[in-house]
């Protein structure tokens, strides 16, 4: 009787392991991918400024995009090979 119980327990554990690896593991991998994608979007937003013109035609550069206006996205990080100087030379 103990042998039958051990066999049934082993079979139940095998079914549970099969279910875990076929159902839960892919779902968790999708959740990790979605979280990584959201983090990448947030990182791009943190590195972005928005350039636009107000009603008077003045150039505005803000961290948040204007609502209902045309704007241009610009990166805070300079492109490779571009030298940025603040001395006014």
N, C-alpha and C. Protein backbone atom coordinates (compact mmCIF):
# COMPACT_ATOMS: atom_id res chain seq x y z
N UNK A 1 0.82 -1.19 0.00
CA UNK A 1 0.00 0.00 0.00
C UNK A 1 0.87 1.26 0.00
N UNK A 2 2.00 1.20 0.72
CA UNK A 2 2.90 2.34 0.74
C UNK A 2 3.52 2.58 -0.63
N UNK A 3 3.80 1.51 -1.34
CA UNK A 3 4.39 1.63 -2.67
C UNK A 3 3.41 2.31 -3.62
N UNK A 4 2.15 1.94 -3.53
CA UNK A 4 1.14 2.55 -4.38
C UNK A 4 1.02 4.05 -4.08
N UNK A 5 1.06 4.41 -2.81
CA UNK A 5 1.00 5.82 -2.42
C UNK A 5 2.21 6.59 -2.94
N UNK A 6 3.39 5.98 -2.88
CA UNK A 6 4.61 6.64 -3.37
C UNK A 6 4.55 6.82 -4.88
N UNK A 7 4.02 5.84 -5.58
CA UNK A 7 3.89 5.93 -7.04
C UNK A 7 2.90 7.02 -7.40
N UNK A 8 1.77 7.08 -6.70
CA UNK A 8 0.78 8.13 -6.98
C UNK A 8 1.34 9.52 -6.66
N UNK A 9 2.10 9.63 -5.58
CA UNK A 9 2.72 10.91 -5.23
C UNK A 9 3.73 11.33 -6.30
N UNK A 10 4.54 10.40 -6.76
CA UNK A 10 5.52 10.69 -7.80
C UNK A 10 4.83 11.10 -9.10
N UNK A 11 3.73 10.44 -9.44
CA UNK A 11 2.98 10.79 -10.65
C UNK A 11 2.38 12.18 -10.51
N UNK A 12 1.84 12.50 -9.33
CA UNK A 12 1.26 13.82 -9.11
C UNK A 12 2.33 14.90 -9.21
N UNK A 13 3.50 14.64 -8.65
CA UNK A 13 4.60 15.59 -8.74
C UNK A 13 5.06 15.77 -10.19
N UNK A 14 5.08 14.69 -10.95
CA UNK A 14 5.48 14.77 -12.35
C UNK A 14 4.48 15.60 -13.15
N UNK A 15 3.18 15.41 -12.89
CA UNK A 15 2.15 16.19 -13.58
C UNK A 15 2.26 17.66 -13.19
N UNK A 16 2.49 17.94 -11.91
CA UNK A 16 2.62 19.32 -11.46
C UNK A 16 3.83 19.99 -12.11
N UNK A 17 4.95 19.27 -12.19
CA UNK A 17 6.15 19.82 -12.82
C UNK A 17 5.90 20.07 -14.31
N UNK A 18 5.24 19.13 -14.98
CA UNK A 18 4.92 19.31 -16.40
C UNK A 18 4.06 20.55 -16.59
N UNK A 19 3.02 20.71 -15.75
CA UNK A 19 2.14 21.87 -15.84
C UNK A 19 2.93 23.15 -15.62
N UNK A 20 3.79 23.17 -14.62
CA UNK A 20 4.57 24.37 -14.31
C UNK A 20 5.42 24.81 -15.50
N UNK A 21 6.12 23.86 -16.09
CA UNK A 21 7.02 24.21 -17.18
C UNK A 21 6.30 24.53 -18.48
N UNK A 22 5.09 24.03 -18.69
CA UNK A 22 4.38 24.32 -19.93
C UNK A 22 3.44 25.52 -19.81
N UNK A 23 3.04 25.88 -18.61
CA UNK A 23 2.09 26.99 -18.42
C UNK A 23 2.73 28.19 -17.74
N UNK A 24 3.29 27.99 -16.61
CA UNK A 24 3.78 29.10 -15.79
C UNK A 24 5.08 29.70 -16.31
N UNK A 25 6.01 28.90 -16.73
CA UNK A 25 7.31 29.42 -17.14
C UNK A 25 7.20 30.33 -18.37
N UNK A 26 6.46 29.96 -19.42
CA UNK A 26 6.31 30.89 -20.55
C UNK A 26 5.60 32.19 -20.15
N UNK A 27 4.62 32.09 -19.28
CA UNK A 27 3.90 33.29 -18.83
C UNK A 27 4.83 34.22 -18.07
N UNK A 28 5.66 33.65 -17.23
CA UNK A 28 6.62 34.48 -16.48
C UNK A 28 7.67 35.08 -17.40
N UNK A 29 8.08 34.35 -18.41
CA UNK A 29 9.04 34.90 -19.38
C UNK A 29 8.42 36.07 -20.12
N UNK A 30 7.14 35.97 -20.49
CA UNK A 30 6.45 37.08 -21.16
C UNK A 30 6.35 38.29 -20.24
N UNK A 31 6.10 38.05 -18.96
CA UNK A 31 6.03 39.16 -18.01
C UNK A 31 7.39 39.85 -17.87
N UNK A 32 8.46 39.06 -17.85
CA UNK A 32 9.81 39.64 -17.76
C UNK A 32 10.12 40.46 -19.01
N UNK A 33 9.75 39.95 -20.18
CA UNK A 33 9.98 40.69 -21.42
C UNK A 33 9.20 41.99 -21.44
N UNK A 34 7.95 41.95 -20.98
CA UNK A 34 7.13 43.16 -20.94
C UNK A 34 7.73 44.18 -19.97
N UNK A 35 8.22 43.72 -18.84
CA UNK A 35 8.83 44.63 -17.87
C UNK A 35 10.11 45.23 -18.43
N UNK A 36 10.90 44.43 -19.14
CA UNK A 36 12.13 44.95 -19.74
C UNK A 36 11.82 45.98 -20.82
N UNK A 37 10.77 45.73 -21.60
CA UNK A 37 10.38 46.68 -22.65
C UNK A 37 9.89 47.99 -22.03
N UNK A 38 9.11 47.90 -20.95
CA UNK A 38 8.64 49.10 -20.26
C UNK A 38 9.82 49.89 -19.68
N UNK A 39 10.81 49.20 -19.15
CA UNK A 39 11.99 49.87 -18.61
C UNK A 39 12.77 50.56 -19.72
N UNK A 40 12.86 49.94 -20.88
CA UNK A 40 13.56 50.56 -22.01
C UNK A 40 12.84 51.81 -22.49
N UNK A 41 11.51 51.76 -22.54
CA UNK A 41 10.73 52.94 -22.94
C UNK A 41 10.93 54.06 -21.93
N UNK A 42 10.91 53.71 -20.65
CA UNK A 42 11.12 54.72 -19.62
C UNK A 42 12.51 55.34 -19.71
N UNK A 43 13.51 54.54 -20.03
CA UNK A 43 14.88 55.05 -20.18
C UNK A 43 14.97 56.00 -21.37
N UNK A 44 14.30 55.65 -22.48
CA UNK A 44 14.29 56.55 -23.64
C UNK A 44 13.60 57.87 -23.31
N UNK A 45 12.52 57.80 -22.56
CA UNK A 45 11.82 59.02 -22.17
C UNK A 45 12.68 59.89 -21.27
N UNK A 46 13.45 59.27 -20.39
CA UNK A 46 14.31 60.03 -19.48
C UNK A 46 15.42 60.73 -20.26
N UNK A 47 15.76 60.21 -21.42
CA UNK A 47 16.84 60.78 -22.24
C UNK A 47 16.30 61.71 -23.33
N UNK A 48 15.02 62.06 -23.27
CA UNK A 48 14.38 62.83 -24.34
C UNK A 48 13.95 64.22 -23.86
N UNK A 49 14.18 65.18 -24.73
CA UNK A 49 13.64 66.52 -24.56
C UNK A 49 12.73 66.81 -25.75
N UNK A 50 11.85 67.77 -25.60
CA UNK A 50 10.90 68.10 -26.66
C UNK A 50 11.10 69.57 -27.07
N UNK A 51 11.27 69.79 -28.38
CA UNK A 51 11.50 71.14 -28.92
C UNK A 51 10.25 71.53 -29.70
N UNK A 52 9.70 72.72 -29.38
CA UNK A 52 8.49 73.19 -30.04
C UNK A 52 8.41 74.71 -29.93
N UNK A 53 7.48 75.30 -30.65
CA UNK A 53 7.31 76.76 -30.63
C UNK A 53 5.95 77.09 -30.03
N UNK A 54 5.95 78.12 -29.18
CA UNK A 54 4.70 78.57 -28.56
C UNK A 54 3.93 79.49 -29.51
N UNK A 55 2.83 80.05 -29.04
CA UNK A 55 1.97 80.90 -29.88
C UNK A 55 2.71 82.14 -30.40
N UNK A 56 3.67 82.63 -29.63
CA UNK A 56 4.42 83.82 -30.04
C UNK A 56 5.59 83.47 -30.95
N UNK A 57 5.80 82.19 -31.22
CA UNK A 57 6.88 81.77 -32.09
C UNK A 57 8.20 81.55 -31.38
N UNK A 58 8.18 81.61 -30.05
CA UNK A 58 9.39 81.39 -29.27
C UNK A 58 9.70 79.90 -29.16
N UNK A 59 10.98 79.57 -29.28
CA UNK A 59 11.41 78.18 -29.17
C UNK A 59 11.34 77.74 -27.72
N UNK A 60 10.71 76.62 -27.49
CA UNK A 60 10.60 76.05 -26.15
C UNK A 60 11.23 74.67 -26.17
N UNK A 61 11.96 74.35 -25.12
CA UNK A 61 12.52 73.00 -24.94
C UNK A 61 12.09 72.54 -23.56
N UNK A 62 11.31 71.46 -23.53
CA UNK A 62 10.76 70.98 -22.27
C UNK A 62 10.98 69.48 -22.11
N UNK A 63 10.77 69.01 -20.88
CA UNK A 63 10.91 67.57 -20.62
C UNK A 63 9.64 66.80 -20.97
N UNK A 64 8.51 67.50 -21.03
CA UNK A 64 7.25 66.87 -21.36
C UNK A 64 6.76 67.39 -22.71
N UNK A 65 6.16 66.53 -23.53
CA UNK A 65 5.68 67.00 -24.83
C UNK A 65 4.49 67.94 -24.66
N UNK A 66 4.39 68.94 -25.51
CA UNK A 66 3.23 69.85 -25.43
C UNK A 66 1.98 69.15 -25.95
N UNK A 67 0.86 69.53 -25.40
CA UNK A 67 -0.41 68.94 -25.84
C UNK A 67 -0.98 69.76 -26.98
N UNK A 68 -1.34 69.10 -28.05
CA UNK A 68 -1.99 69.76 -29.17
C UNK A 68 -1.07 70.60 -30.04
N UNK A 69 0.22 70.36 -29.96
CA UNK A 69 1.19 71.11 -30.77
C UNK A 69 2.14 70.14 -31.46
N UNK A 70 2.68 70.62 -32.56
CA UNK A 70 3.73 69.87 -33.25
C UNK A 70 5.03 70.03 -32.45
N UNK A 71 5.75 68.96 -32.24
CA UNK A 71 7.01 69.03 -31.51
C UNK A 71 8.02 68.08 -32.14
N UNK A 72 9.26 68.29 -31.77
CA UNK A 72 10.36 67.44 -32.25
C UNK A 72 11.03 66.83 -31.04
N UNK A 73 11.25 65.54 -31.10
CA UNK A 73 11.93 64.84 -30.02
C UNK A 73 13.43 64.96 -30.22
N UNK A 74 14.14 65.33 -29.18
CA UNK A 74 15.61 65.40 -29.26
C UNK A 74 16.20 64.65 -28.07
N UNK A 75 17.35 64.07 -28.29
CA UNK A 75 18.02 63.28 -27.26
C UNK A 75 18.92 64.17 -26.42
N UNK A 76 18.98 63.90 -25.13
CA UNK A 76 19.90 64.62 -24.24
C UNK A 76 21.33 64.15 -24.47
N UNK A 77 21.49 62.95 -24.97
CA UNK A 77 22.80 62.37 -25.19
C UNK A 77 23.28 62.73 -26.59
N UNK A 78 24.45 63.37 -26.70
CA UNK A 78 24.93 63.72 -28.05
C UNK A 78 25.30 62.47 -28.84
N UNK A 79 25.18 62.58 -30.15
CA UNK A 79 25.54 61.46 -31.02
C UNK A 79 27.05 61.23 -31.00
N UNK A 80 27.44 60.04 -31.31
CA UNK A 80 28.86 59.67 -31.39
C UNK A 80 29.58 60.54 -32.39
N UNK A 81 30.72 61.09 -32.00
CA UNK A 81 31.53 61.89 -32.92
C UNK A 81 31.22 63.37 -32.89
N UNK A 82 30.20 63.78 -32.15
CA UNK A 82 29.86 65.19 -32.05
C UNK A 82 30.50 65.74 -30.78
N UNK A 83 31.20 66.84 -30.92
CA UNK A 83 31.84 67.47 -29.76
C UNK A 83 30.97 68.62 -29.29
N UNK A 84 30.65 68.59 -28.00
CA UNK A 84 29.81 69.63 -27.43
C UNK A 84 30.67 70.48 -26.50
N UNK A 85 30.70 71.78 -26.75
CA UNK A 85 31.46 72.71 -25.90
C UNK A 85 30.50 73.76 -25.37
N UNK A 86 30.68 74.12 -24.12
CA UNK A 86 29.83 75.15 -23.52
C UNK A 86 30.55 76.47 -23.38
N UNK A 87 31.75 76.60 -23.93
CA UNK A 87 32.54 77.81 -23.73
C UNK A 87 32.16 78.92 -24.70
N UNK A 88 31.40 78.64 -25.73
CA UNK A 88 31.01 79.66 -26.70
C UNK A 88 32.08 79.95 -27.75
N UNK A 89 33.04 79.04 -27.91
CA UNK A 89 34.11 79.22 -28.92
C UNK A 89 33.61 79.08 -30.31
